[in-house]
Amino acid sequence: MNSMSNQILVLASRDVEQLLPMHECIEVMSKALSALARGEVYQPLRTVHRPHDSRGLMALMPAFHAGDTSAYGLKTVCVFPDNPAQGKDSHQGSVTLFSGDTGELLAIMNASAITALRTAAVSAVATRLLAREDACDLVIIGSGVQARTHLKALSCVRAVKRARVVSRNPAHSLRFVNEMQDKFSFLIEAVDSVEEALHGADLIVTATTAREPVINSQWLSAGAHINAVGTYSPQAREIDSATMALASIFVDRLESALNEAGDYLLALKEGIITADSIKGEIGELLEGEKEGRTSADEITLFKSLGLAIEDLACAEYLFVKAQAKKVGTWVEF
């Protein structure tokens, strides 16, 4: 029997948050999406398991990143939509990091914390590329974990002057404002309706659990940029078909969008948009291969699905930084 063992690093949510401030995460995500566009990443579609008698689902998201220090990553995440009612994040799981040289397990990290940060950071990368330079009026539809991280992320890349939040439950919007206002210099307001909130908005985030559209194209102002974050199923959407037809659409990964993005697929099924409606991937914009916004009045939309390479890039960055800062717990394995 082989008695050889190695130590692995365990990072709790507080460790992840300490080691990966939002402004650093934005740059990590920018580099990861560029690497993806350059073909340096192996990333199959995630597999999603939805047992009939379960209240949630499990998704498996593997990736491999080549380079000077290659690595494998696997995010195993359970999504339980009813969790927020119990004060828990709907996303629960782990990100595991493996050596690309030997396959040894190097680290286990809290997936909820990584997902919360990297999803908002990717939206910030997209916003930096696609939103108007003078965009400053932010609306967040939803009041959960992603609403909180997106407020921080978008304020890193645009000079936000006002933020409005609207939620299906008005009490949640008020709680959001009470929790977040002291952390920002600009005014954060709770608004009762999406239509009211969107009046004059030029930065929009949809981070809901909705299955039907929460946005109506008639409520949008010219030149707005939308980050559509909440849905990840072919059967669900936050954005109405008219908005999808109106907007210039960009995605994190084309393959993922064609298989998982209900916002796109349902509008396509209705014949409102075509297969050519997706203008490009964020990585292609970063690499200068595709063009982003072309006019001040153009409505741009980033459909975010979340990618395994984003989790792997965070894990690699966290692993190195945790060692340097002596953060986390090492255990025999």
Protein backbone atom coordinates (compact mmCIF):
# COMPACT_ATOMS: atom_id res chain seq x y z
CA MET A 1 0.00 0.00 0.00
CA ASN A 2 1.28 3.46 -0.88
CA SER A 3 1.43 5.53 2.27
CA MET A 4 2.53 8.73 0.49
CA SER A 5 0.34 11.69 1.32
CA ASN A 6 0.39 15.35 0.51
CA GLN A 7 -1.04 18.43 2.09
CA ILE A 8 -3.94 20.27 0.54
CA LEU A 9 -5.04 23.83 1.12
CA VAL A 10 -8.58 24.49 2.34
CA LEU A 11 -9.97 28.01 1.83
CA ALA A 12 -13.19 29.00 3.59
CA SER A 13 -15.45 31.76 2.29
CA ARG A 14 -13.82 34.37 4.55
CA ASP A 15 -10.39 33.35 3.18
CA VAL A 16 -11.56 33.77 -0.40
CA GLU A 17 -13.05 37.19 0.35
CA GLN A 18 -9.88 38.31 2.14
CA LEU A 19 -7.53 37.16 -0.63
CA LEU A 20 -9.57 38.21 -3.68
CA PRO A 21 -10.74 41.83 -3.51
CA MET A 22 -13.08 42.77 -6.34
CA HIS A 23 -10.65 45.00 -8.23
CA GLU A 24 -8.13 42.14 -8.36
CA CYS A 25 -10.79 39.62 -9.36
CA ILE A 26 -11.79 41.81 -12.32
CA GLU A 27 -8.24 41.64 -13.68
CA VAL A 28 -8.01 37.88 -13.06
CA MET A 29 -11.25 37.40 -15.03
CA SER A 30 -10.05 39.62 -17.86
CA LYS A 31 -6.92 37.47 -18.25
CA ALA A 32 -8.93 34.23 -18.03
CA LEU A 33 -11.37 35.28 -20.77
CA SER A 34 -8.48 36.37 -22.98
CA ALA A 35 -6.82 32.98 -22.49
CA LEU A 36 -10.10 31.31 -23.45
CA ALA A 37 -10.30 33.37 -26.64
CA ARG A 38 -6.69 32.44 -27.49
CA GLY A 39 -7.52 28.74 -27.24
CA GLU A 40 -5.37 28.06 -24.18
CA VAL A 41 -8.22 26.52 -22.21
CA TYR A 42 -9.93 23.14 -22.37
CA GLN A 43 -13.47 23.60 -21.16
CA PRO A 44 -16.34 21.22 -21.99
CA LEU A 45 -19.94 22.23 -21.36
CA ARG A 46 -20.96 21.81 -17.77
CA THR A 47 -23.15 18.84 -16.97
CA VAL A 48 -26.27 19.54 -14.94
CA HIS A 49 -28.11 16.86 -12.97
CA ARG A 50 -31.73 17.48 -11.96
CA PRO A 51 -33.13 14.46 -10.09
CA HIS A 52 -36.94 14.50 -10.13
CA ASP A 53 -37.26 14.21 -6.36
CA SER A 54 -34.63 16.82 -5.46
CA ARG A 55 -35.32 20.43 -4.45
CA GLY A 56 -32.23 21.52 -6.36
CA LEU A 57 -29.66 20.48 -8.93
CA MET A 58 -25.98 19.63 -9.16
CA ALA A 59 -23.65 20.99 -11.83
CA LEU A 60 -20.12 19.80 -12.63
CA MET A 61 -17.79 22.31 -14.29
CA PRO A 62 -14.31 21.03 -15.28
CA ALA A 63 -11.54 23.02 -16.99
CA PHE A 64 -7.87 22.74 -17.85
CA HIS A 65 -5.54 25.69 -18.34
CA ALA A 66 -2.27 25.16 -20.18
CA GLY A 67 0.78 27.34 -19.71
CA ASP A 68 3.89 27.63 -17.55
CA THR A 69 1.95 26.27 -14.58
CA SER A 70 -0.87 24.17 -15.97
CA ALA A 71 -3.80 23.16 -13.76
CA TYR A 72 -7.06 21.29 -13.70
CA GLY A 73 -10.08 22.69 -11.90
CA LEU A 74 -13.49 21.31 -11.07
CA LYS A 75 -16.36 23.22 -9.59
CA THR A 76 -19.03 21.02 -8.07
CA VAL A 77 -22.00 23.17 -7.24
CA CYS A 78 -25.50 22.50 -5.95
CA VAL A 79 -28.12 25.13 -6.74
CA PHE A 80 -31.09 25.23 -4.37
CA PRO A 81 -33.40 28.16 -5.25
CA ASP A 82 -35.23 28.05 -1.90
CA ASN A 83 -32.06 28.60 0.13
CA PRO A 84 -32.29 32.42 0.40
CA ALA A 85 -35.51 32.03 2.40
CA GLN A 86 -33.37 30.23 4.98
CA GLY A 87 -30.66 32.87 4.89
CA LYS A 88 -28.34 30.69 2.77
CA ASP A 89 -26.78 31.27 -0.65
CA SER A 90 -28.60 29.38 -3.40
CA HIS A 91 -25.19 28.18 -4.67
CA GLN A 92 -23.36 25.64 -2.48
CA GLY A 93 -20.25 23.69 -3.35
CA SER A 94 -16.51 23.51 -3.81
CA VAL A 95 -13.84 24.42 -6.30
CA THR A 96 -11.04 21.86 -6.39
CA LEU A 97 -7.62 22.61 -7.86
CA PHE A 98 -5.31 19.90 -9.24
CA SER A 99 -1.74 20.01 -10.48
CA GLY A 100 -1.50 19.94 -14.27
CA ASP A 101 1.81 18.08 -13.97
CA THR A 102 0.96 15.23 -11.57
CA GLY A 103 -2.80 15.40 -11.11
CA GLU A 104 -2.37 15.79 -7.35
CA LEU A 105 -5.16 17.55 -5.48
CA LEU A 106 -3.80 20.91 -4.35
CA ALA A 107 -6.74 22.75 -2.82
CA ILE A 108 -10.43 22.79 -1.94
CA MET A 109 -12.12 26.19 -1.89
CA ASN A 110 -15.55 27.55 -1.03
CA ALA A 111 -17.49 27.75 -4.30
CA SER A 112 -20.18 30.14 -3.04
CA ALA A 113 -17.61 32.84 -2.32
CA ILE A 114 -15.76 32.32 -5.60
CA THR A 115 -18.99 32.29 -7.63
CA ALA A 116 -20.26 35.47 -5.99
CA LEU A 117 -17.06 37.34 -6.77
CA ARG A 118 -16.14 36.03 -10.21
CA THR A 119 -19.65 36.37 -11.68
CA ALA A 120 -19.79 40.05 -10.77
CA ALA A 121 -16.19 40.58 -11.85
CA VAL A 122 -16.95 39.16 -15.31
CA SER A 123 -19.92 41.53 -15.59
CA ALA A 124 -17.53 44.35 -14.70
CA VAL A 125 -15.16 43.25 -17.49
CA ALA A 126 -18.09 43.27 -19.93
CA THR A 127 -19.30 46.63 -18.62
CA ARG A 128 -15.85 48.17 -18.98
CA LEU A 129 -15.82 47.05 -22.63
CA LEU A 130 -19.43 47.72 -23.60
CA ALA A 131 -21.06 50.41 -21.44
CA ARG A 132 -20.77 54.06 -22.39
CA GLU A 133 -17.82 55.79 -20.72
CA ASP A 134 -20.20 58.23 -19.01
CA ALA A 135 -22.66 55.57 -17.79
CA CYS A 136 -23.41 56.31 -14.13
CA ASP A 137 -27.07 55.45 -13.37
CA LEU A 138 -27.17 51.85 -12.12
CA VAL A 139 -30.20 49.60 -11.65
CA ILE A 140 -29.99 46.16 -10.06
CA ILE A 141 -33.01 43.88 -10.41
CA GLY A 142 -32.73 41.37 -7.59
CA SER A 143 -31.47 41.80 -4.04
CA GLY A 144 -29.50 38.65 -3.26
CA VAL A 145 -25.82 37.70 -3.18
CA GLN A 146 -25.17 38.65 -6.81
CA ALA A 147 -26.88 42.02 -6.37
CA ARG A 148 -24.41 42.82 -3.60
CA THR A 149 -21.29 41.79 -5.49
CA HIS A 150 -22.46 43.48 -8.70
CA LEU A 151 -22.93 46.78 -6.88
CA LYS A 152 -19.29 46.62 -5.84
CA ALA A 153 -18.02 45.33 -9.20
CA LEU A 154 -19.73 47.86 -11.44
CA SER A 155 -18.70 50.74 -9.19
CA CYS A 156 -15.11 49.62 -9.83
CA VAL A 157 -15.38 50.24 -13.58
CA ARG A 158 -17.81 53.16 -13.89
CA ALA A 159 -18.30 56.34 -11.83
CA VAL A 160 -21.73 55.40 -10.46
CA LYS A 161 -23.72 58.41 -9.23
CA ARG A 162 -26.90 56.60 -8.23
CA ALA A 163 -27.99 52.99 -7.76
CA ARG A 164 -31.55 51.72 -7.59
CA VAL A 165 -32.52 48.23 -6.49
CA VAL A 166 -35.83 46.50 -7.10
CA SER A 167 -36.89 43.11 -5.80
CA ARG A 168 -39.94 40.90 -5.94
CA ASN A 169 -40.11 41.37 -2.17
CA PRO A 170 -39.87 45.11 -1.29
CA ALA A 171 -38.61 44.26 2.20
CA HIS A 172 -35.55 42.64 0.61
CA SER A 173 -34.80 45.81 -1.36
CA LEU A 174 -34.96 47.88 1.82
CA ARG A 175 -32.69 45.43 3.63
CA PHE A 176 -30.24 45.65 0.71
CA VAL A 177 -30.15 49.46 0.96
CA ASN A 178 -29.71 49.41 4.75
CA GLU A 179 -26.85 46.93 4.44
CA MET A 180 -25.01 48.51 1.50
CA GLN A 181 -25.49 52.29 1.75
CA ASP A 182 -22.69 52.95 4.25
CA LYS A 183 -20.20 51.14 1.99
CA PHE A 184 -20.66 53.54 -0.95
CA SER A 185 -20.55 57.30 -1.43
CA PHE A 186 -23.40 57.41 -3.97
CA LEU A 187 -27.10 57.14 -3.14
CA ILE A 188 -28.66 53.68 -3.14
CA GLU A 189 -32.45 53.62 -3.39
CA ALA A 190 -35.10 50.89 -3.09
CA VAL A 191 -37.71 51.20 -5.85
CA ASP A 192 -41.07 49.44 -6.04
CA SER A 193 -41.29 48.56 -9.75
CA VAL A 194 -38.84 47.58 -12.48
CA GLU A 195 -40.37 50.08 -14.88
CA GLU A 196 -39.85 52.91 -12.41
CA ALA A 197 -36.32 51.77 -11.62
CA LEU A 198 -35.25 51.61 -15.28
CA HIS A 199 -36.25 55.19 -16.05
CA GLY A 200 -33.04 56.86 -17.21
CA ALA A 201 -30.80 53.91 -16.28
CA ASP A 202 -27.69 53.31 -18.38
CA LEU A 203 -26.20 50.41 -16.36
CA ILE A 204 -28.53 47.48 -15.67
CA VAL A 205 -28.03 44.16 -13.89
CA THR A 206 -30.63 41.39 -13.82
CA ALA A 207 -29.74 38.98 -11.02
CA THR A 208 -33.01 37.20 -10.26
CA THR A 209 -34.42 33.70 -10.05
CA ALA A 210 -37.17 34.66 -12.50
CA ARG A 211 -38.23 32.26 -15.22
CA GLU A 212 -40.20 34.88 -17.16
CA PRO A 213 -38.91 38.28 -18.36
CA VAL A 214 -38.44 41.03 -15.77
CA ILE A 215 -37.39 43.59 -18.41
CA ASN A 216 -39.61 45.13 -21.07
CA SER A 217 -37.85 46.78 -24.02
CA GLN A 218 -40.13 49.82 -23.78
CA TRP A 219 -38.69 50.69 -20.37
CA LEU A 220 -35.10 50.97 -21.62
CA SER A 221 -33.22 54.18 -22.36
CA ALA A 222 -31.09 54.57 -25.47
CA GLY A 223 -27.47 53.65 -24.87
CA ALA A 224 -28.10 51.39 -21.88
CA HIS A 225 -25.89 48.40 -21.11
CA ILE A 226 -27.45 45.27 -19.58
CA ASN A 227 -25.69 42.47 -17.68
CA ALA A 228 -28.12 39.52 -17.74
CA VAL A 229 -26.88 37.23 -14.98
CA GLY A 230 -29.68 35.34 -13.27
CA THR A 231 -30.75 32.55 -15.60
CA TYR A 232 -28.71 29.55 -16.76
CA SER A 233 -31.41 27.28 -18.18
CA PRO A 234 -32.75 26.97 -21.74
CA GLN A 235 -36.29 27.24 -20.32
CA ALA A 236 -35.88 30.44 -18.26
CA ARG A 237 -35.24 34.06 -19.13
CA GLU A 238 -35.05 37.50 -17.53
CA ILE A 239 -34.94 39.49 -20.78
CA ASP A 240 -37.93 39.81 -23.13
CA SER A 241 -37.58 38.92 -26.81
CA ALA A 242 -38.01 42.52 -27.97
CA THR A 243 -34.99 43.59 -25.90
CA MET A 244 -32.95 40.69 -27.27
CA ALA A 245 -33.84 41.86 -30.79
CA LEU A 246 -33.03 45.47 -29.95
CA ALA A 247 -29.69 44.84 -28.27
CA SER A 248 -26.24 43.98 -29.50
CA ILE A 249 -25.68 40.67 -27.68
CA PHE A 250 -22.34 39.50 -26.28
CA VAL A 251 -21.66 36.31 -24.30
CA ASP A 252 -18.96 34.75 -22.13
CA ARG A 253 -18.87 31.60 -24.30
CA LEU A 254 -20.80 31.01 -27.53
CA GLU A 255 -21.09 27.24 -26.98
CA SER A 256 -22.62 27.81 -23.55
CA ALA A 257 -25.08 30.39 -24.84
CA LEU A 258 -26.28 28.12 -27.64
CA ASN A 259 -26.97 25.34 -25.13
CA GLU A 260 -27.96 27.11 -21.90
CA ALA A 261 -29.10 30.70 -22.43
CA GLY A 262 -32.90 30.78 -22.31
CA ASP A 263 -32.85 34.55 -22.88
CA TYR A 264 -31.32 33.86 -26.29
CA LEU A 265 -32.83 30.46 -27.11
CA LEU A 266 -36.46 31.37 -26.40
CA ALA A 267 -36.24 34.53 -28.51
CA LEU A 268 -34.58 32.49 -31.27
CA LYS A 269 -37.36 29.90 -31.07
CA GLU A 270 -39.93 32.68 -31.52
CA GLY A 271 -38.11 33.87 -34.64
CA ILE A 272 -37.43 37.28 -33.09
CA ILE A 273 -33.65 36.96 -33.42
CA THR A 274 -31.32 34.83 -35.55
CA ALA A 275 -28.22 32.74 -35.06
CA ASP A 276 -26.20 35.82 -36.06
CA SER A 277 -27.61 37.99 -33.29
CA ILE A 278 -24.73 37.16 -30.94
CA LYS A 279 -21.96 39.60 -31.87
CA GLY A 280 -19.13 37.89 -30.03
CA GLU A 281 -17.54 36.68 -26.82
CA ILE A 282 -16.06 38.99 -24.20
CA GLY A 283 -12.66 37.35 -24.72
CA GLU A 284 -12.82 38.21 -28.42
CA LEU A 285 -13.40 41.86 -27.50
CA LEU A 286 -10.44 41.75 -25.10
CA GLU A 287 -8.25 40.28 -27.85
CA GLY A 288 -9.42 42.86 -30.40
CA GLU A 289 -10.98 40.20 -32.61
CA LYS A 290 -14.51 41.60 -32.43
CA GLU A 291 -15.98 45.09 -32.12
CA GLY A 292 -18.05 46.15 -29.12
CA ARG A 293 -20.28 49.24 -28.82
CA THR A 294 -20.44 51.23 -32.05
CA SER A 295 -22.62 54.20 -31.03
CA ALA A 296 -23.76 56.14 -27.97
CA ASP A 297 -27.41 55.15 -28.50
CA GLU A 298 -26.76 51.43 -29.00
CA ILE A 299 -28.20 49.08 -26.39
CA THR A 300 -25.66 46.42 -25.45
CA LEU A 301 -26.35 43.22 -23.55
CA PHE A 302 -23.95 40.77 -21.94
CA LYS A 303 -25.48 37.35 -21.32
CA SER A 304 -23.53 35.76 -18.50
CA LEU A 305 -23.68 32.02 -17.88
CA GLY A 306 -20.57 31.47 -15.78
CA LEU A 307 -17.64 29.37 -16.95
CA ALA A 308 -15.40 26.77 -15.40
CA ILE A 309 -12.29 28.68 -16.50
CA GLU A 310 -13.42 31.59 -14.34
CA ASP A 311 -13.48 29.33 -11.28
CA LEU A 312 -10.15 27.72 -12.20
CA ALA A 313 -8.48 31.11 -12.73
CA CYS A 314 -9.70 32.25 -9.32
CA ALA A 315 -8.48 29.03 -7.71
CA GLU A 316 -5.01 29.33 -9.26
CA TYR A 317 -4.73 32.96 -8.15
CA LEU A 318 -6.00 32.18 -4.65
CA PHE A 319 -3.65 29.21 -4.24
CA VAL A 320 -0.56 31.30 -4.95
CA LYS A 321 -1.70 34.25 -2.87
CA ALA A 322 -2.78 32.09 0.08
CA GLN A 323 0.70 30.61 0.26
CA ALA A 324 2.33 34.05 0.12
CA LYS A 325 -0.01 35.53 2.74
CA LYS A 326 -0.16 32.36 4.88
CA VAL A 327 -3.96 32.30 4.75
CA GLY A 328 -6.09 29.14 4.90
CA THR A 329 -5.73 25.73 6.47
CA TRP A 330 -3.41 22.94 5.34
CA VAL A 331 -4.54 19.37 5.95
CA GLU A 332 -3.03 15.96 5.31
CA PHE A 333 -4.75 14.15 2.46
